[in-house]
Amino acid sequence: MAKKINELGIAAIVLLHRILTDEWIINREIDPLQDVQQPIKTVRDSSPSWGINYNRIGIMGFSAGDHFA
């Protein structure tokens, strides 16, 4: 999917995320949000050198990634 999005002239970054498990999860409602905050920060921090508009960063997901997004 990322390759197809790139063909449209849109930067697409693939993120592999951890699976929520009851063993380490503290708050099931906010842990996925916290997991996505760092990658977004990384993209924003790197946006000038990657040629990405800082103000036009979005997120989408498929399957389990949809819940993550």
N, C-alpha and C. Protein backbone atom coordinates (compact mmCIF):
# COMPACT_ATOMS: atom_id res chain seq x y z
N MET A 1 0.83 -1.18 0.00
CA MET A 1 0.00 0.00 0.00
C MET A 1 0.88 1.26 0.00
N ALA A 2 1.96 1.25 0.78
CA ALA A 2 2.84 2.41 0.84
C ALA A 2 3.43 2.73 -0.53
N LYS A 3 3.80 1.72 -1.30
CA LYS A 3 4.35 1.95 -2.63
C LYS A 3 3.32 2.62 -3.55
N LYS A 4 2.08 2.19 -3.47
CA LYS A 4 1.02 2.80 -4.28
C LYS A 4 0.80 4.25 -3.88
N ILE A 5 0.82 4.53 -2.59
CA ILE A 5 0.65 5.90 -2.11
C ILE A 5 1.82 6.76 -2.56
N ASN A 6 3.04 6.20 -2.51
CA ASN A 6 4.22 6.92 -3.00
C ASN A 6 4.08 7.28 -4.48
N GLU A 7 3.50 6.37 -5.27
CA GLU A 7 3.31 6.64 -6.69
C GLU A 7 2.40 7.84 -6.93
N LEU A 8 1.56 8.18 -5.96
CA LEU A 8 0.69 9.35 -6.06
C LEU A 8 1.39 10.63 -5.61
N GLY A 9 2.66 10.51 -5.23
CA GLY A 9 3.42 11.67 -4.79
C GLY A 9 3.25 11.99 -3.31
N ILE A 10 2.75 11.03 -2.58
CA ILE A 10 2.53 11.20 -1.14
C ILE A 10 3.56 10.36 -0.40
N ALA A 11 4.23 10.96 0.58
CA ALA A 11 5.18 10.20 1.38
C ALA A 11 4.42 9.24 2.27
N ALA A 12 4.79 7.98 2.25
CA ALA A 12 4.17 6.96 3.09
C ALA A 12 5.27 6.25 3.86
N ILE A 13 5.08 6.15 5.14
CA ILE A 13 6.06 5.52 6.02
C ILE A 13 5.39 4.33 6.68
N VAL A 14 6.02 3.19 6.64
CA VAL A 14 5.46 1.98 7.22
C VAL A 14 5.96 1.86 8.65
N LEU A 15 5.02 1.67 9.55
CA LEU A 15 5.33 1.54 10.98
C LEU A 15 4.93 0.16 11.46
N LEU A 16 5.85 -0.53 12.06
CA LEU A 16 5.53 -1.80 12.70
C LEU A 16 5.30 -1.49 14.17
N HIS A 17 4.19 -1.96 14.69
CA HIS A 17 3.87 -1.64 16.09
C HIS A 17 3.77 -2.91 16.92
N ARG A 18 3.86 -2.71 18.22
CA ARG A 18 3.76 -3.85 19.12
C ARG A 18 2.29 -4.24 19.31
N ILE A 19 2.07 -5.46 19.67
CA ILE A 19 0.73 -5.97 19.92
C ILE A 19 0.42 -5.81 21.41
N LEU A 20 -0.76 -5.30 21.71
CA LEU A 20 -1.16 -5.13 23.10
C LEU A 20 -1.29 -6.49 23.79
N THR A 21 -0.64 -6.63 24.92
CA THR A 21 -0.79 -7.85 25.71
C THR A 21 -1.13 -7.46 27.14
N ASP A 22 -1.89 -8.27 27.80
CA ASP A 22 -2.30 -7.97 29.17
C ASP A 22 -1.12 -7.98 30.14
N GLU A 23 -0.01 -8.61 29.77
CA GLU A 23 1.14 -8.72 30.66
C GLU A 23 1.78 -7.36 30.96
N TRP A 24 1.85 -6.47 29.99
CA TRP A 24 2.56 -5.20 30.20
C TRP A 24 1.68 -3.97 30.06
N ILE A 25 0.45 -4.14 29.61
CA ILE A 25 -0.39 -2.97 29.36
C ILE A 25 -0.86 -2.35 30.68
N ILE A 26 -0.80 -1.04 30.72
CA ILE A 26 -1.24 -0.31 31.91
C ILE A 26 -2.65 0.22 31.71
N ASN A 27 -2.87 0.88 30.57
CA ASN A 27 -4.18 1.44 30.29
C ASN A 27 -4.52 1.16 28.83
N ARG A 28 -5.40 0.22 28.60
CA ARG A 28 -5.74 -0.23 27.24
C ARG A 28 -6.26 0.90 26.36
N GLU A 29 -6.82 1.95 26.95
CA GLU A 29 -7.39 3.04 26.17
C GLU A 29 -6.35 4.02 25.66
N ILE A 30 -5.23 4.21 26.36
CA ILE A 30 -4.26 5.21 25.92
C ILE A 30 -2.94 4.62 25.44
N ASP A 31 -2.63 3.36 25.74
CA ASP A 31 -1.36 2.79 25.30
C ASP A 31 -1.17 2.84 23.78
N PRO A 32 -2.19 2.53 22.96
CA PRO A 32 -1.99 2.65 21.51
C PRO A 32 -1.68 4.09 21.09
N LEU A 33 -2.31 5.05 21.71
CA LEU A 33 -2.03 6.46 21.42
C LEU A 33 -0.59 6.79 21.74
N GLN A 34 -0.11 6.34 22.88
CA GLN A 34 1.27 6.60 23.25
C GLN A 34 2.24 5.94 22.28
N ASP A 35 1.88 4.77 21.76
CA ASP A 35 2.74 4.08 20.80
C ASP A 35 2.86 4.85 19.49
N VAL A 36 1.87 5.63 19.12
CA VAL A 36 1.91 6.36 17.86
C VAL A 36 2.50 7.77 18.02
N GLN A 37 2.55 8.28 19.22
CA GLN A 37 3.08 9.62 19.43
C GLN A 37 4.55 9.73 19.03
N GLN A 38 5.37 8.76 19.38
CA GLN A 38 6.79 8.84 19.07
C GLN A 38 7.06 8.78 17.56
N PRO A 39 6.44 7.88 16.81
CA PRO A 39 6.67 7.90 15.35
C PRO A 39 6.24 9.21 14.70
N ILE A 40 5.13 9.80 15.15
CA ILE A 40 4.71 11.08 14.59
C ILE A 40 5.74 12.15 14.91
N LYS A 41 6.26 12.14 16.13
CA LYS A 41 7.30 13.10 16.50
C LYS A 41 8.54 12.91 15.62
N THR A 42 8.90 11.65 15.38
CA THR A 42 10.07 11.38 14.53
C THR A 42 9.86 11.92 13.13
N VAL A 43 8.67 11.72 12.55
CA VAL A 43 8.39 12.22 11.21
C VAL A 43 8.41 13.75 11.21
N ARG A 44 7.81 14.37 12.20
CA ARG A 44 7.81 15.84 12.27
C ARG A 44 9.23 16.37 12.41
N ASP A 45 10.02 15.76 13.28
CA ASP A 45 11.40 16.22 13.47
C ASP A 45 12.24 16.04 12.21
N SER A 46 11.94 15.01 11.43
CA SER A 46 12.72 14.71 10.23
C SER A 46 12.10 15.30 8.97
N SER A 47 10.95 15.94 9.09
CA SER A 47 10.23 16.41 7.90
C SER A 47 11.03 17.33 6.99
N PRO A 48 11.84 18.26 7.50
CA PRO A 48 12.59 19.10 6.56
C PRO A 48 13.56 18.30 5.68
N SER A 49 14.27 17.38 6.27
CA SER A 49 15.25 16.61 5.49
C SER A 49 14.58 15.54 4.62
N TRP A 50 13.36 15.13 4.97
CA TRP A 50 12.63 14.14 4.19
C TRP A 50 11.74 14.79 3.14
N GLY A 51 11.63 16.11 3.14
CA GLY A 51 10.78 16.80 2.17
C GLY A 51 9.30 16.65 2.46
N ILE A 52 8.94 16.54 3.72
CA ILE A 52 7.55 16.36 4.13
C ILE A 52 7.06 17.66 4.77
N ASN A 53 5.85 18.09 4.42
CA ASN A 53 5.25 19.27 5.01
C ASN A 53 4.84 18.95 6.45
N TYR A 54 5.45 19.63 7.40
CA TYR A 54 5.22 19.41 8.83
C TYR A 54 3.74 19.50 9.20
N ASN A 55 3.02 20.37 8.54
CA ASN A 55 1.61 20.60 8.88
C ASN A 55 0.64 19.67 8.15
N ARG A 56 1.16 18.75 7.36
CA ARG A 56 0.28 17.85 6.60
C ARG A 56 0.66 16.39 6.84
N ILE A 57 0.74 16.03 8.08
CA ILE A 57 1.08 14.66 8.46
C ILE A 57 -0.20 13.98 8.96
N GLY A 58 -0.48 12.82 8.43
CA GLY A 58 -1.66 12.07 8.84
C GLY A 58 -1.28 10.65 9.16
N ILE A 59 -2.26 9.89 9.55
CA ILE A 59 -2.02 8.48 9.88
C ILE A 59 -3.22 7.66 9.42
N MET A 60 -2.95 6.47 8.92
CA MET A 60 -4.02 5.53 8.58
C MET A 60 -3.50 4.14 8.83
N GLY A 61 -4.40 3.22 8.99
CA GLY A 61 -3.99 1.86 9.26
C GLY A 61 -4.96 0.87 8.65
N PHE A 62 -4.53 -0.36 8.58
CA PHE A 62 -5.33 -1.45 8.04
C PHE A 62 -5.31 -2.59 9.04
N SER A 63 -6.41 -3.28 9.15
CA SER A 63 -6.54 -4.43 10.03
C SER A 63 -6.22 -4.00 11.47
N ALA A 64 -5.25 -4.66 12.10
CA ALA A 64 -4.88 -4.27 13.48
C ALA A 64 -4.33 -2.86 13.50
N GLY A 65 -3.67 -2.45 12.42
CA GLY A 65 -3.13 -1.09 12.33
C GLY A 65 -4.22 -0.03 12.29
N ASP A 66 -5.41 -0.41 11.86
CA ASP A 66 -6.54 0.52 11.86
C ASP A 66 -6.90 0.90 13.28
N HIS A 67 -6.90 -0.06 14.17
CA HIS A 67 -7.18 0.20 15.57
C HIS A 67 -6.07 1.09 16.15
N PHE A 68 -4.86 0.83 15.76
CA PHE A 68 -3.70 1.61 16.18
C PHE A 68 -3.82 3.06 15.71
N ALA A 69 -4.22 3.23 14.44
CA ALA A 69 -4.34 4.58 13.88
C ALA A 69 -5.50 5.32 14.49
